[in-house]
Every structure is written in structure tokens, then in C-alpha cells.
């Protein structure tokens, strides 16, 4: 696994977390004001799903790295 690929994924996860928090705040703000929060809620779910996909990608990379180390084929 290349370090830069892992860093890219970590950055994407962090980016999604920020967007989820912003969207969550917007949902709460809209609900407090009695406004429609549907769009903000949809955006929040979209970013949550994207974050989960990035986290799954990170897990796959880490598992592949562990498999390479165990198998002794760490040449990439």
C-alpha cells in the first residue's frame, strides 16, 4: 500500500466528517425554526454513506497490507 493512497483516503474521511457535521447542524437549525429539513437531511445521509465507503476502502487497504506482510510479498 502506498502511503499517499492511505493519506488520500484519510483526507477524504475527514472531509466527509466535516460535511456530515455541517449538514447535521443545518438539519437541527431548520427543524428548530420549523423549516423543511429534507434536503439537508438527504445531504447528511449522502455524506454519511460516502464516509462509510471511504472507511471501507481504508479497511480493505489495511487488510491487504496485513496480508502482504504475513505472506512476505511486501514488494509493491
N, C-alpha and C. Protein backbone atom coordinates (compact mmCIF):
# COMPACT_ATOMS: atom_id res chain seq x y z
N UNK A 1 0.86 -1.19 0.00
CA UNK A 1 0.00 0.00 0.00
C UNK A 1 0.89 1.24 0.00
N UNK A 2 0.59 2.13 -0.86
CA UNK A 2 1.35 3.37 -0.90
C UNK A 2 0.83 4.32 0.16
N UNK A 3 1.75 4.99 0.82
CA UNK A 3 1.37 5.92 1.88
C UNK A 3 0.49 7.03 1.36
N UNK A 4 0.76 7.51 0.15
CA UNK A 4 -0.04 8.61 -0.39
C UNK A 4 -1.49 8.19 -0.61
N UNK A 5 -1.72 6.93 -0.98
CA UNK A 5 -3.08 6.44 -1.17
C UNK A 5 -3.81 6.41 0.17
N UNK A 6 -3.13 5.94 1.19
CA UNK A 6 -3.72 5.92 2.53
C UNK A 6 -4.01 7.35 3.00
N UNK A 7 -3.12 8.26 2.77
CA UNK A 7 -3.33 9.66 3.15
C UNK A 7 -4.50 10.27 2.41
N UNK A 8 -4.66 9.92 1.13
CA UNK A 8 -5.78 10.41 0.35
C UNK A 8 -7.10 9.94 0.97
N UNK A 9 -7.15 8.69 1.37
CA UNK A 9 -8.37 8.15 1.96
C UNK A 9 -8.65 8.80 3.31
N UNK A 10 -7.61 8.96 4.12
CA UNK A 10 -7.81 9.61 5.42
C UNK A 10 -8.32 11.04 5.25
N UNK A 11 -7.80 11.74 4.27
CA UNK A 11 -8.24 13.10 3.99
C UNK A 11 -9.71 13.11 3.56
N UNK A 12 -10.08 12.16 2.73
CA UNK A 12 -11.47 12.06 2.27
C UNK A 12 -12.41 11.77 3.44
N UNK A 13 -12.00 10.90 4.34
CA UNK A 13 -12.82 10.59 5.52
C UNK A 13 -13.01 11.84 6.37
N UNK A 14 -11.93 12.55 6.60
CA UNK A 14 -12.00 13.78 7.39
C UNK A 14 -12.93 14.80 6.71
N UNK A 15 -12.80 14.93 5.41
CA UNK A 15 -13.62 15.85 4.62
C UNK A 15 -15.11 15.50 4.78
N UNK A 16 -15.43 14.22 4.67
CA UNK A 16 -16.82 13.78 4.81
C UNK A 16 -17.35 14.04 6.22
N UNK A 17 -16.52 13.80 7.22
CA UNK A 17 -16.94 14.05 8.60
C UNK A 17 -17.34 15.51 8.79
N UNK A 18 -16.54 16.41 8.22
CA UNK A 18 -16.86 17.84 8.33
C UNK A 18 -18.19 18.15 7.66
N UNK A 19 -18.41 17.57 6.48
CA UNK A 19 -19.66 17.81 5.78
C UNK A 19 -20.85 17.22 6.53
N UNK A 20 -20.67 16.06 7.12
CA UNK A 20 -21.75 15.45 7.91
C UNK A 20 -22.11 16.36 9.07
N UNK A 21 -21.12 16.87 9.77
CA UNK A 21 -21.39 17.74 10.91
C UNK A 21 -22.09 19.03 10.48
N UNK A 22 -21.64 19.60 9.37
CA UNK A 22 -22.30 20.81 8.87
C UNK A 22 -23.75 20.54 8.49
N UNK A 23 -23.97 19.43 7.81
CA UNK A 23 -25.33 19.08 7.40
C UNK A 23 -26.19 18.79 8.63
N UNK A 24 -25.63 18.11 9.62
CA UNK A 24 -26.37 17.82 10.85
C UNK A 24 -26.77 19.12 11.55
N UNK A 25 -25.86 20.07 11.59
CA UNK A 25 -26.18 21.37 12.19
C UNK A 25 -27.28 22.07 11.42
N UNK A 26 -27.22 21.97 10.10
CA UNK A 26 -28.25 22.60 9.27
C UNK A 26 -29.61 21.94 9.48
N UNK A 27 -29.63 20.61 9.59
CA UNK A 27 -30.88 19.90 9.87
C UNK A 27 -31.46 20.39 11.18
N UNK A 28 -30.63 20.44 12.22
CA UNK A 28 -31.10 20.88 13.54
C UNK A 28 -31.59 22.32 13.51
N UNK A 29 -30.86 23.18 12.81
CA UNK A 29 -31.25 24.58 12.71
C UNK A 29 -32.61 24.72 12.03
N UNK A 30 -32.76 24.03 10.92
CA UNK A 30 -34.02 24.11 10.18
C UNK A 30 -35.18 23.55 10.99
N UNK A 31 -34.94 22.44 11.68
CA UNK A 31 -36.02 21.85 12.48
C UNK A 31 -36.42 22.77 13.63
N UNK A 32 -35.44 23.42 14.26
CA UNK A 32 -35.75 24.36 15.34
C UNK A 32 -36.62 25.50 14.85
N UNK A 33 -36.40 25.92 13.62
CA UNK A 33 -37.14 27.05 13.06
C UNK A 33 -38.44 26.62 12.37
N UNK A 34 -38.71 25.34 12.41
CA UNK A 34 -39.93 24.84 11.79
C UNK A 34 -39.86 24.80 10.27
N UNK A 35 -38.67 24.78 9.75
CA UNK A 35 -38.47 24.76 8.29
C UNK A 35 -38.31 23.32 7.80
N UNK A 36 -38.46 23.16 6.50
CA UNK A 36 -38.25 21.85 5.89
C UNK A 36 -36.76 21.52 5.94
N UNK A 37 -36.43 20.38 6.53
CA UNK A 37 -35.03 19.96 6.64
C UNK A 37 -34.73 18.78 5.73
N UNK A 38 -35.64 18.47 4.82
CA UNK A 38 -35.49 17.29 3.97
C UNK A 38 -34.23 17.29 3.13
N UNK A 39 -33.96 18.41 2.47
CA UNK A 39 -32.77 18.47 1.62
C UNK A 39 -31.50 18.33 2.45
N UNK A 40 -31.43 19.04 3.55
CA UNK A 40 -30.24 18.96 4.42
C UNK A 40 -30.07 17.55 4.97
N UNK A 41 -31.17 16.90 5.29
CA UNK A 41 -31.12 15.53 5.80
C UNK A 41 -30.61 14.58 4.71
N UNK A 42 -31.07 14.78 3.48
CA UNK A 42 -30.61 13.96 2.36
C UNK A 42 -29.11 14.16 2.14
N UNK A 43 -28.66 15.40 2.21
CA UNK A 43 -27.23 15.67 2.05
C UNK A 43 -26.42 15.01 3.16
N UNK A 44 -26.93 15.08 4.39
CA UNK A 44 -26.24 14.47 5.51
C UNK A 44 -26.09 12.96 5.28
N UNK A 45 -27.17 12.32 4.85
CA UNK A 45 -27.12 10.87 4.60
C UNK A 45 -26.17 10.54 3.45
N UNK A 46 -26.14 11.38 2.44
CA UNK A 46 -25.23 11.16 1.33
C UNK A 46 -23.78 11.20 1.80
N UNK A 47 -23.44 12.20 2.60
CA UNK A 47 -22.07 12.29 3.12
C UNK A 47 -21.77 11.17 4.10
N UNK A 48 -22.75 10.73 4.87
CA UNK A 48 -22.53 9.60 5.76
C UNK A 48 -22.22 8.34 4.95
N UNK A 49 -22.94 8.14 3.87
CA UNK A 49 -22.70 6.97 3.01
C UNK A 49 -21.33 7.05 2.36
N UNK A 50 -20.98 8.22 1.88
CA UNK A 50 -19.67 8.40 1.26
C UNK A 50 -18.55 8.16 2.27
N UNK A 51 -18.74 8.66 3.48
CA UNK A 51 -17.75 8.43 4.54
C UNK A 51 -17.61 6.94 4.82
N UNK A 52 -18.72 6.22 4.89
CA UNK A 52 -18.68 4.78 5.12
C UNK A 52 -17.93 4.06 3.99
N UNK A 53 -18.13 4.52 2.77
CA UNK A 53 -17.42 3.91 1.64
C UNK A 53 -15.91 4.16 1.73
N UNK A 54 -15.53 5.36 2.11
CA UNK A 54 -14.10 5.65 2.29
C UNK A 54 -13.51 4.82 3.43
N UNK A 55 -14.26 4.68 4.51
CA UNK A 55 -13.78 3.88 5.64
C UNK A 55 -13.63 2.41 5.25
N UNK A 56 -14.54 1.91 4.43
CA UNK A 56 -14.44 0.53 3.94
C UNK A 56 -13.22 0.37 3.04
N UNK A 57 -12.96 1.38 2.22
CA UNK A 57 -11.78 1.35 1.36
C UNK A 57 -10.50 1.33 2.20
N UNK A 58 -10.49 2.13 3.25
CA UNK A 58 -9.33 2.15 4.16
C UNK A 58 -9.14 0.77 4.79
N UNK A 59 -10.23 0.15 5.23
CA UNK A 59 -10.14 -1.18 5.84
C UNK A 59 -9.59 -2.21 4.85
N UNK A 60 -10.04 -2.14 3.60
CA UNK A 60 -9.53 -3.07 2.58
C UNK A 60 -8.03 -2.87 2.36
N UNK A 61 -7.61 -1.62 2.32
CA UNK A 61 -6.18 -1.36 2.13
C UNK A 61 -5.36 -1.88 3.31
N UNK A 62 -5.86 -1.67 4.51
CA UNK A 62 -5.13 -2.14 5.68
C UNK A 62 -5.08 -3.67 5.72
N UNK A 63 -6.18 -4.31 5.33
CA UNK A 63 -6.19 -5.78 5.29
C UNK A 63 -5.21 -6.29 4.23
N UNK A 64 -5.17 -5.62 3.09
CA UNK A 64 -4.24 -6.02 2.03
C UNK A 64 -2.80 -5.85 2.51
N UNK A 65 -2.55 -4.78 3.22
CA UNK A 65 -1.20 -4.54 3.75
C UNK A 65 -0.82 -5.63 4.74
N UNK A 66 -1.77 -5.98 5.63
CA UNK A 66 -1.51 -7.04 6.60
C UNK A 66 -1.27 -8.38 5.90
N UNK A 67 -2.02 -8.66 4.85
CA UNK A 67 -1.86 -9.91 4.10
C UNK A 67 -0.50 -9.96 3.43
N UNK A 68 -0.06 -8.84 2.90
CA UNK A 68 1.26 -8.78 2.26
C UNK A 68 2.36 -9.05 3.27
N UNK A 69 2.23 -8.49 4.46
CA UNK A 69 3.25 -8.67 5.49
C UNK A 69 3.28 -10.11 5.97
N UNK A 70 2.13 -10.72 6.13
CA UNK A 70 2.06 -12.10 6.58
C UNK A 70 2.58 -13.03 5.51
N UNK A 71 2.22 -12.76 4.26
CA UNK A 71 2.64 -13.61 3.15
C UNK A 71 4.07 -13.36 2.70
N UNK A 72 4.64 -12.27 3.15
CA UNK A 72 6.02 -11.98 2.79
C UNK A 72 6.19 -11.39 1.41
N UNK A 73 5.09 -10.92 0.83
CA UNK A 73 5.19 -10.32 -0.51
C UNK A 73 4.96 -8.84 -0.42
N UNK A 74 5.74 -8.18 0.34
CA UNK A 74 5.56 -6.76 0.56
C UNK A 74 6.18 -5.88 -0.50
N UNK A 75 6.40 -6.40 -1.69
CA UNK A 75 7.03 -5.59 -2.74
C UNK A 75 5.97 -4.98 -3.64
N UNK A 76 5.62 -3.75 -3.38
CA UNK A 76 4.67 -3.00 -4.21
C UNK A 76 5.18 -1.64 -4.44
